[in-house]
Amino acid sequence: MQLYAYDFSEIVGLDVGDDALFRVGDALSRCWSELWRHAFWCRVDGHLAGFVIVDERSRLTGDTEVMDVAEFFVMRKYRRKGIGSVCAAHVFDLFPRKWEVRQQANNAAATAFWRRTVDRYTGGRFQETRLDDERWRGPVQSFDVRATERATRL
């Protein structure tokens, strides 16, 4: 989570404390106590390469039939090699239902990654909206795994 916070510090202006650590809260530890949250490690050749945290509810509407990518991180060493797309596809496959993937408005790299990944995974069968209200500020890709054909997935 410290590496994730470090990467994100540029986007949201996080600072480290006097102990040289970011205040990351308990998002990861809550995945083991809140049954609607799920954490997954991304590994490459046995090495930890990142993580995915998904929630069984829309952050935008609270709908418990919608999955939400709450947190997603791939270490720099493994970026631009398709690792993130494979990890995302694996998690999408685990929950065959509706999904929402959100990006901060000023995170152009994440938006490009998710557009490409979701487009490839769904065969172009997704919607993108751009929100600018109290729920979220930035792009959101929405799709239903059940409406995609396995042949088009990563």
N, C-alpha and C. Protein backbone atom coordinates (compact mmCIF):
# COMPACT_ATOMS: atom_id res chain seq x y z
N MET A 1 0.83 -1.20 0.00
CA MET A 1 0.00 0.00 0.00
C MET A 1 0.87 1.26 0.00
N GLN A 2 2.04 1.19 0.58
CA GLN A 2 2.94 2.35 0.58
C GLN A 2 3.37 2.71 -0.85
N LEU A 3 3.66 1.69 -1.66
CA LEU A 3 4.05 1.95 -3.05
C LEU A 3 2.88 2.53 -3.84
N TYR A 4 1.70 2.02 -3.58
CA TYR A 4 0.48 2.53 -4.22
C TYR A 4 0.27 4.00 -3.83
N ALA A 5 0.41 4.28 -2.54
CA ALA A 5 0.25 5.66 -2.07
C ALA A 5 1.30 6.57 -2.69
N TYR A 6 2.53 6.07 -2.80
CA TYR A 6 3.59 6.85 -3.43
C TYR A 6 3.22 7.21 -4.86
N ASP A 7 2.79 6.23 -5.64
CA ASP A 7 2.36 6.50 -7.02
C ASP A 7 1.21 7.50 -7.05
N PHE A 8 0.28 7.33 -6.15
CA PHE A 8 -0.93 8.16 -6.13
C PHE A 8 -0.66 9.56 -5.58
N SER A 9 0.44 9.73 -4.86
CA SER A 9 0.74 11.02 -4.23
C SER A 9 0.82 12.14 -5.27
N GLU A 10 1.28 11.81 -6.44
CA GLU A 10 1.40 12.78 -7.53
C GLU A 10 0.02 13.22 -8.02
N ILE A 11 -0.95 12.32 -7.96
CA ILE A 11 -2.30 12.59 -8.47
C ILE A 11 -3.15 13.36 -7.45
N VAL A 12 -3.09 12.91 -6.19
CA VAL A 12 -3.99 13.48 -5.18
C VAL A 12 -3.27 14.31 -4.12
N GLY A 13 -1.97 14.49 -4.27
CA GLY A 13 -1.24 15.37 -3.37
C GLY A 13 -0.98 14.82 -1.98
N LEU A 14 -0.76 13.51 -1.87
CA LEU A 14 -0.47 12.91 -0.57
C LEU A 14 0.94 13.29 -0.12
N ASP A 15 1.13 13.44 1.17
CA ASP A 15 2.44 13.65 1.76
C ASP A 15 2.72 12.55 2.77
N VAL A 16 3.99 12.29 3.01
CA VAL A 16 4.36 11.32 4.04
C VAL A 16 4.37 12.02 5.39
N GLY A 17 4.21 11.22 6.44
CA GLY A 17 4.30 11.74 7.78
C GLY A 17 5.75 11.84 8.22
N ASP A 18 5.96 12.27 9.46
CA ASP A 18 7.31 12.39 10.00
C ASP A 18 8.02 11.05 10.10
N ASP A 19 7.25 9.97 10.05
CA ASP A 19 7.85 8.63 10.08
C ASP A 19 8.18 8.13 8.67
N ALA A 20 8.03 8.99 7.67
CA ALA A 20 8.30 8.70 6.26
C ALA A 20 7.31 7.71 5.65
N LEU A 21 6.13 7.57 6.25
CA LEU A 21 5.10 6.69 5.73
C LEU A 21 3.87 7.49 5.31
N PHE A 22 3.20 7.01 4.29
CA PHE A 22 1.93 7.59 3.88
C PHE A 22 0.83 7.08 4.81
N ARG A 23 -0.16 7.89 5.05
CA ARG A 23 -1.33 7.47 5.83
C ARG A 23 -2.29 6.82 4.85
N VAL A 24 -2.29 5.49 4.82
CA VAL A 24 -3.10 4.77 3.82
C VAL A 24 -4.39 4.22 4.40
N GLY A 25 -4.62 4.38 5.66
CA GLY A 25 -5.85 3.88 6.26
C GLY A 25 -5.87 2.37 6.34
N ASP A 26 -7.05 1.84 6.43
CA ASP A 26 -7.20 0.39 6.64
C ASP A 26 -7.92 -0.30 5.50
N ALA A 27 -7.84 0.25 4.29
CA ALA A 27 -8.55 -0.32 3.14
C ALA A 27 -8.18 -1.78 2.92
N LEU A 28 -6.90 -2.10 3.04
CA LEU A 28 -6.48 -3.47 2.80
C LEU A 28 -6.92 -4.40 3.92
N SER A 29 -6.74 -4.00 5.16
CA SER A 29 -7.11 -4.88 6.28
C SER A 29 -8.62 -5.10 6.34
N ARG A 30 -9.40 -4.13 5.91
CA ARG A 30 -10.86 -4.28 5.92
C ARG A 30 -11.33 -5.36 4.95
N CYS A 31 -10.49 -5.70 3.97
CA CYS A 31 -10.88 -6.73 2.98
C CYS A 31 -11.07 -8.09 3.65
N TRP A 32 -10.47 -8.29 4.80
CA TRP A 32 -10.60 -9.56 5.50
C TRP A 32 -11.68 -9.53 6.57
N SER A 33 -12.28 -8.37 6.82
CA SER A 33 -13.34 -8.30 7.81
C SER A 33 -14.69 -7.89 7.22
N GLU A 34 -14.69 -7.28 6.07
CA GLU A 34 -15.93 -6.88 5.41
C GLU A 34 -16.18 -7.85 4.25
N LEU A 35 -17.23 -8.64 4.37
CA LEU A 35 -17.47 -9.72 3.41
C LEU A 35 -17.74 -9.24 1.98
N TRP A 36 -18.07 -8.00 1.81
CA TRP A 36 -18.37 -7.46 0.48
C TRP A 36 -17.13 -6.89 -0.20
N ARG A 37 -15.98 -6.94 0.48
CA ARG A 37 -14.71 -6.48 -0.09
C ARG A 37 -13.81 -7.68 -0.37
N HIS A 38 -13.07 -7.61 -1.46
CA HIS A 38 -12.18 -8.72 -1.83
C HIS A 38 -10.84 -8.17 -2.29
N ALA A 39 -9.77 -8.75 -1.78
CA ALA A 39 -8.42 -8.36 -2.19
C ALA A 39 -7.75 -9.52 -2.91
N PHE A 40 -7.04 -9.20 -3.96
CA PHE A 40 -6.32 -10.20 -4.74
C PHE A 40 -4.91 -9.70 -5.00
N TRP A 41 -3.94 -10.60 -4.90
CA TRP A 41 -2.56 -10.28 -5.24
C TRP A 41 -2.34 -10.59 -6.71
N CYS A 42 -1.56 -9.78 -7.37
CA CYS A 42 -1.11 -10.06 -8.74
C CYS A 42 0.33 -10.55 -8.61
N ARG A 43 0.60 -11.71 -9.16
CA ARG A 43 1.95 -12.27 -9.08
C ARG A 43 2.48 -12.56 -10.48
N VAL A 44 3.80 -12.39 -10.63
CA VAL A 44 4.50 -12.72 -11.87
C VAL A 44 5.67 -13.61 -11.48
N ASP A 45 5.67 -14.83 -12.01
CA ASP A 45 6.73 -15.80 -11.67
C ASP A 45 6.92 -15.92 -10.16
N GLY A 46 5.81 -15.92 -9.43
CA GLY A 46 5.85 -16.07 -7.99
C GLY A 46 6.14 -14.80 -7.22
N HIS A 47 6.47 -13.71 -7.90
CA HIS A 47 6.80 -12.45 -7.24
C HIS A 47 5.57 -11.55 -7.17
N LEU A 48 5.38 -10.91 -6.05
CA LEU A 48 4.28 -9.97 -5.90
C LEU A 48 4.47 -8.81 -6.87
N ALA A 49 3.48 -8.56 -7.70
CA ALA A 49 3.57 -7.52 -8.73
C ALA A 49 2.52 -6.43 -8.55
N GLY A 50 1.53 -6.65 -7.68
CA GLY A 50 0.49 -5.65 -7.47
C GLY A 50 -0.69 -6.24 -6.74
N PHE A 51 -1.77 -5.50 -6.72
CA PHE A 51 -2.98 -5.97 -6.05
C PHE A 51 -4.22 -5.34 -6.67
N VAL A 52 -5.36 -5.97 -6.40
CA VAL A 52 -6.66 -5.47 -6.82
C VAL A 52 -7.59 -5.58 -5.62
N ILE A 53 -8.32 -4.53 -5.32
CA ILE A 53 -9.37 -4.58 -4.30
C ILE A 53 -10.68 -4.26 -5.00
N VAL A 54 -11.65 -5.16 -4.87
CA VAL A 54 -12.95 -4.94 -5.48
C VAL A 54 -14.02 -4.98 -4.39
N ASP A 55 -15.07 -4.23 -4.63
CA ASP A 55 -16.20 -4.16 -3.70
C ASP A 55 -17.45 -4.68 -4.39
N GLU A 56 -18.26 -5.40 -3.64
CA GLU A 56 -19.54 -5.89 -4.16
C GLU A 56 -20.62 -4.84 -3.92
N ARG A 57 -20.38 -3.68 -4.46
CA ARG A 57 -21.38 -2.60 -4.45
C ARG A 57 -20.82 -1.43 -5.22
N SER A 58 -21.71 -0.74 -5.88
CA SER A 58 -21.32 0.44 -6.64
C SER A 58 -20.97 1.56 -5.68
N ARG A 59 -19.85 2.18 -5.90
CA ARG A 59 -19.49 3.36 -5.11
C ARG A 59 -20.40 4.53 -5.48
N LEU A 60 -20.94 4.49 -6.68
CA LEU A 60 -21.75 5.59 -7.19
C LEU A 60 -23.19 5.53 -6.71
N THR A 61 -23.77 4.32 -6.68
CA THR A 61 -25.19 4.18 -6.35
C THR A 61 -25.46 3.33 -5.12
N GLY A 62 -24.48 2.55 -4.68
CA GLY A 62 -24.69 1.62 -3.57
C GLY A 62 -25.31 0.30 -4.00
N ASP A 63 -25.59 0.14 -5.29
CA ASP A 63 -26.21 -1.07 -5.82
C ASP A 63 -25.31 -2.28 -5.53
N THR A 64 -25.83 -3.25 -4.79
CA THR A 64 -25.04 -4.43 -4.42
C THR A 64 -24.94 -5.46 -5.53
N GLU A 65 -25.60 -5.21 -6.66
CA GLU A 65 -25.48 -6.09 -7.83
C GLU A 65 -24.35 -5.66 -8.75
N VAL A 66 -23.68 -4.57 -8.42
CA VAL A 66 -22.61 -4.01 -9.25
C VAL A 66 -21.28 -4.16 -8.52
N MET A 67 -20.27 -4.65 -9.24
CA MET A 67 -18.91 -4.73 -8.69
C MET A 67 -18.18 -3.43 -8.99
N ASP A 68 -17.30 -3.03 -8.07
CA ASP A 68 -16.54 -1.80 -8.20
C ASP A 68 -15.06 -2.09 -8.00
N VAL A 69 -14.22 -1.61 -8.91
CA VAL A 69 -12.77 -1.71 -8.72
C VAL A 69 -12.40 -0.57 -7.77
N ALA A 70 -12.22 -0.92 -6.50
CA ALA A 70 -11.95 0.09 -5.48
C ALA A 70 -10.51 0.58 -5.54
N GLU A 71 -9.56 -0.35 -5.67
CA GLU A 71 -8.13 -0.02 -5.73
C GLU A 71 -7.46 -0.98 -6.71
N PHE A 72 -6.48 -0.47 -7.45
CA PHE A 72 -5.78 -1.29 -8.43
C PHE A 72 -4.36 -0.78 -8.53
N PHE A 73 -3.40 -1.68 -8.41
CA PHE A 73 -2.00 -1.26 -8.43
C PHE A 73 -1.12 -2.33 -9.05
N VAL A 74 -0.26 -1.91 -9.97
CA VAL A 74 0.77 -2.78 -10.54
C VAL A 74 2.10 -2.04 -10.36
N MET A 75 3.08 -2.74 -9.80
CA MET A 75 4.39 -2.12 -9.58
C MET A 75 4.99 -1.70 -10.92
N ARG A 76 5.75 -0.63 -10.89
CA ARG A 76 6.32 -0.06 -12.12
C ARG A 76 7.11 -1.08 -12.94
N LYS A 77 7.82 -1.96 -12.29
CA LYS A 77 8.62 -2.97 -12.98
C LYS A 77 7.76 -3.82 -13.94
N TYR A 78 6.48 -4.00 -13.60
CA TYR A 78 5.60 -4.89 -14.36
C TYR A 78 4.63 -4.15 -15.28
N ARG A 79 4.71 -2.84 -15.31
CA ARG A 79 3.79 -2.07 -16.16
C ARG A 79 4.19 -2.15 -17.62
N ARG A 80 3.20 -1.93 -18.48
CA ARG A 80 3.37 -1.93 -19.94
C ARG A 80 3.80 -3.29 -20.46
N LYS A 81 3.45 -4.34 -19.71
CA LYS A 81 3.76 -5.71 -20.14
C LYS A 81 2.50 -6.56 -20.20
N GLY A 82 1.33 -5.93 -19.99
CA GLY A 82 0.07 -6.67 -20.04
C GLY A 82 -0.33 -7.30 -18.72
N ILE A 83 0.49 -7.16 -17.68
CA ILE A 83 0.20 -7.78 -16.38
C ILE A 83 -1.09 -7.23 -15.79
N GLY A 84 -1.25 -5.92 -15.82
CA GLY A 84 -2.44 -5.30 -15.25
C GLY A 84 -3.71 -5.76 -15.95
N SER A 85 -3.67 -5.85 -17.27
CA SER A 85 -4.85 -6.29 -18.02
C SER A 85 -5.21 -7.73 -17.70
N VAL A 86 -4.20 -8.58 -17.56
CA VAL A 86 -4.45 -9.98 -17.20
C VAL A 86 -5.04 -10.08 -15.80
N CYS A 87 -4.50 -9.31 -14.86
CA CYS A 87 -5.03 -9.32 -13.49
C CYS A 87 -6.48 -8.83 -13.47
N ALA A 88 -6.75 -7.75 -14.21
CA ALA A 88 -8.11 -7.22 -14.26
C ALA A 88 -9.07 -8.24 -14.85
N ALA A 89 -8.69 -8.87 -15.95
CA ALA A 89 -9.56 -9.86 -16.60
C ALA A 89 -9.84 -11.03 -15.67
N HIS A 90 -8.83 -11.46 -14.95
CA HIS A 90 -9.03 -12.57 -14.01
C HIS A 90 -10.06 -12.21 -12.94
N VAL A 91 -9.95 -11.01 -12.41
CA VAL A 91 -10.91 -10.59 -11.38
C VAL A 91 -12.30 -10.40 -11.98
N PHE A 92 -12.40 -9.83 -13.17
CA PHE A 92 -13.71 -9.70 -13.83
C PHE A 92 -14.36 -11.08 -14.00
N ASP A 93 -13.55 -12.05 -14.41
CA ASP A 93 -14.07 -13.41 -14.61
C ASP A 93 -14.60 -14.03 -13.33
N LEU A 94 -14.04 -13.67 -12.18
CA LEU A 94 -14.46 -14.24 -10.90
C LEU A 94 -15.86 -13.78 -10.49
N PHE A 95 -16.28 -12.63 -11.01
CA PHE A 95 -17.58 -12.06 -10.63
C PHE A 95 -18.36 -11.72 -11.89
N PRO A 96 -19.06 -12.69 -12.48
CA PRO A 96 -19.79 -12.45 -13.74
C PRO A 96 -21.07 -11.64 -13.49
N ARG A 97 -20.91 -10.36 -13.45
CA ARG A 97 -22.03 -9.43 -13.22
C ARG A 97 -21.67 -8.06 -13.76
N LYS A 98 -22.39 -7.03 -13.37
CA LYS A 98 -22.11 -5.66 -13.81
C LYS A 98 -20.89 -5.13 -13.05
N TRP A 99 -20.13 -4.29 -13.75
CA TRP A 99 -18.91 -3.70 -13.19
C TRP A 99 -18.87 -2.19 -13.45
N GLU A 100 -18.22 -1.48 -12.53
CA GLU A 100 -17.87 -0.08 -12.72
C GLU A 100 -16.39 0.07 -12.40
N VAL A 101 -15.69 0.78 -13.29
CA VAL A 101 -14.27 1.06 -13.09
C VAL A 101 -14.11 2.57 -13.18
N ARG A 102 -13.63 3.17 -12.10
CA ARG A 102 -13.54 4.64 -12.01
C ARG A 102 -12.08 5.09 -12.02
N GLN A 103 -11.84 6.28 -12.59
CA GLN A 103 -10.53 6.90 -12.53
C GLN A 103 -10.67 8.36 -12.11
N GLN A 104 -9.68 8.83 -11.37
CA GLN A 104 -9.62 10.25 -11.01
C GLN A 104 -9.57 11.07 -12.31
N ALA A 105 -10.21 12.23 -12.31
CA ALA A 105 -10.27 13.07 -13.51
C ALA A 105 -8.89 13.43 -14.04
N ASN A 106 -7.91 13.60 -13.16
CA ASN A 106 -6.58 14.03 -13.60
C ASN A 106 -5.59 12.88 -13.76
N ASN A 107 -6.08 11.64 -13.81
CA ASN A 107 -5.19 10.49 -13.96
C ASN A 107 -5.33 9.92 -15.38
N ALA A 108 -4.73 10.64 -16.33
CA ALA A 108 -4.85 10.27 -17.75
C ALA A 108 -4.28 8.88 -18.03
N ALA A 109 -3.19 8.51 -17.37
CA ALA A 109 -2.59 7.20 -17.61
C ALA A 109 -3.54 6.08 -17.20
N ALA A 110 -4.19 6.23 -16.04
CA ALA A 110 -5.14 5.21 -15.59
C ALA A 110 -6.34 5.14 -16.53
N THR A 111 -6.82 6.27 -16.98
CA THR A 111 -7.96 6.28 -17.90
C THR A 111 -7.61 5.57 -19.20
N ALA A 112 -6.43 5.83 -19.73
CA ALA A 112 -6.01 5.15 -20.97
C ALA A 112 -5.90 3.65 -20.74
N PHE A 113 -5.31 3.25 -19.61
CA PHE A 113 -5.18 1.82 -19.30
C PHE A 113 -6.55 1.16 -19.21
N TRP A 114 -7.47 1.76 -18.45
CA TRP A 114 -8.78 1.13 -18.25
C TRP A 114 -9.61 1.12 -19.52
N ARG A 115 -9.56 2.17 -20.31
CA ARG A 115 -10.29 2.16 -21.58
C ARG A 115 -9.81 1.00 -22.45
N ARG A 116 -8.51 0.87 -22.58
CA ARG A 116 -7.92 -0.19 -23.40
C ARG A 116 -8.27 -1.57 -22.84
N THR A 117 -8.12 -1.73 -21.54
CA THR A 117 -8.36 -3.03 -20.90
C THR A 117 -9.82 -3.43 -20.98
N VAL A 118 -10.72 -2.51 -20.65
CA VAL A 118 -12.15 -2.82 -20.68
C VAL A 118 -12.63 -3.02 -22.11
N ASP A 119 -12.12 -2.22 -23.04
CA ASP A 119 -12.50 -2.39 -24.45
C ASP A 119 -12.10 -3.78 -24.94
N ARG A 120 -10.89 -4.18 -24.65
CA ARG A 120 -10.40 -5.49 -25.09
C ARG A 120 -11.18 -6.61 -24.40
N TYR A 121 -11.41 -6.47 -23.11
CA TYR A 121 -12.11 -7.51 -22.34
C TYR A 121 -13.55 -7.69 -22.83
N THR A 122 -14.23 -6.59 -23.11
CA THR A 122 -15.65 -6.66 -23.46
C THR A 122 -15.90 -6.72 -24.97
N GLY A 123 -14.84 -6.62 -25.76
CA GLY A 123 -15.04 -6.53 -27.21
C GLY A 123 -15.77 -5.26 -27.59
N GLY A 124 -15.53 -4.19 -26.84
CA GLY A 124 -16.14 -2.89 -27.13
C GLY A 124 -17.52 -2.70 -26.53
N ARG A 125 -17.99 -3.67 -25.77
CA ARG A 125 -19.35 -3.59 -25.19
C ARG A 125 -19.30 -2.99 -23.78
N PHE A 126 -19.02 -1.69 -23.74
CA PHE A 126 -19.02 -0.98 -22.46
C PHE A 126 -19.47 0.45 -22.70
N GLN A 127 -19.83 1.12 -21.64
CA GLN A 127 -20.22 2.52 -21.71
C GLN A 127 -19.23 3.30 -20.84
N GLU A 128 -18.93 4.49 -21.30
CA GLU A 128 -18.10 5.38 -20.48
C GLU A 128 -18.86 6.67 -20.25
N THR A 129 -18.92 7.07 -19.00
CA THR A 129 -19.51 8.35 -18.64
C THR A 129 -18.46 9.14 -17.87
N ARG A 130 -18.62 10.43 -17.89
CA ARG A 130 -17.72 11.30 -17.13
C ARG A 130 -18.57 12.03 -16.11
N LEU A 131 -18.29 11.77 -14.85
CA LEU A 131 -19.05 12.39 -13.77
C LEU A 131 -18.28 13.57 -13.20
N ASP A 132 -19.03 14.53 -12.71
CA ASP A 132 -18.43 15.68 -12.04
C ASP A 132 -19.43 16.17 -10.99
N ASP A 133 -19.63 15.33 -9.98
CA ASP A 133 -20.56 15.67 -8.91
C ASP A 133 -20.05 15.08 -7.60
N GLU A 134 -20.88 15.08 -6.59
CA GLU A 134 -20.46 14.61 -5.26
C GLU A 134 -20.15 13.12 -5.23
N ARG A 135 -20.64 12.35 -6.20
CA ARG A 135 -20.37 10.92 -6.23
C ARG A 135 -18.97 10.61 -6.73
N TRP A 136 -18.55 11.32 -7.79
CA TRP A 136 -17.26 11.03 -8.40
C TRP A 136 -16.90 12.14 -9.38
N ARG A 137 -15.60 12.36 -9.55
CA ARG A 137 -15.11 13.31 -10.54
C ARG A 137 -14.12 12.60 -11.45
N GLY A 138 -14.62 12.23 -12.63
CA GLY A 138 -13.78 11.56 -13.60
C GLY A 138 -14.53 10.53 -14.40
N PRO A 139 -13.81 9.83 -15.29
CA PRO A 139 -14.44 8.82 -16.14
C PRO A 139 -14.82 7.56 -15.38
N VAL A 140 -15.87 6.90 -15.87
CA VAL A 140 -16.33 5.63 -15.32
C VAL A 140 -16.68 4.72 -16.49
N GLN A 141 -16.05 3.56 -16.56
CA GLN A 141 -16.42 2.55 -17.55
C GLN A 141 -17.37 1.56 -16.88
N SER A 142 -18.47 1.26 -17.55
CA SER A 142 -19.47 0.33 -17.03
C SER A 142 -19.70 -0.76 -18.05
N PHE A 143 -19.84 -2.00 -17.57
CA PHE A 143 -20.10 -3.12 -18.46
C PHE A 143 -20.65 -4.28 -17.66
N ASP A 144 -21.19 -5.25 -18.38
CA ASP A 144 -21.73 -6.46 -17.76
C ASP A 144 -20.95 -7.64 -18.33
N VAL A 145 -20.24 -8.35 -17.46
CA VAL A 145 -19.45 -9.50 -17.90
C VAL A 145 -20.33 -10.52 -18.61
N ARG A 146 -21.57 -10.68 -18.17
CA ARG A 146 -22.46 -11.67 -18.76
C ARG A 146 -22.81 -11.34 -20.21
N ALA A 147 -22.62 -10.07 -20.61
CA ALA A 147 -22.95 -9.65 -21.98
C ALA A 147 -21.74 -9.72 -22.91
N THR A 148 -20.62 -10.20 -22.41
CA THR A 148 -19.42 -10.30 -23.24
C THR A 148 -19.20 -11.75 -23.64
N GLU A 149 -18.58 -11.94 -24.76
CA GLU A 149 -18.26 -13.30 -25.22
C GLU A 149 -16.86 -13.66 -24.76
N ARG A 150 -16.69 -14.87 -24.28
CA ARG A 150 -15.39 -15.29 -23.77
C ARG A 150 -14.28 -15.12 -24.79
N ALA A 151 -14.58 -15.26 -26.04
CA ALA A 151 -13.55 -15.17 -27.08
C ALA A 151 -12.94 -13.76 -27.16
N THR A 152 -13.68 -12.76 -26.70
CA THR A 152 -13.16 -11.40 -26.79
C THR A 152 -12.38 -11.01 -25.54
N ARG A 153 -12.42 -11.83 -24.53
CA ARG A 153 -11.72 -11.49 -23.28
C ARG A 153 -10.23 -11.74 -23.40
N LEU A 154 -9.49 -11.09 -22.55
CA LEU A 154 -8.02 -11.21 -22.54
C LEU A 154 -7.60 -12.62 -22.19
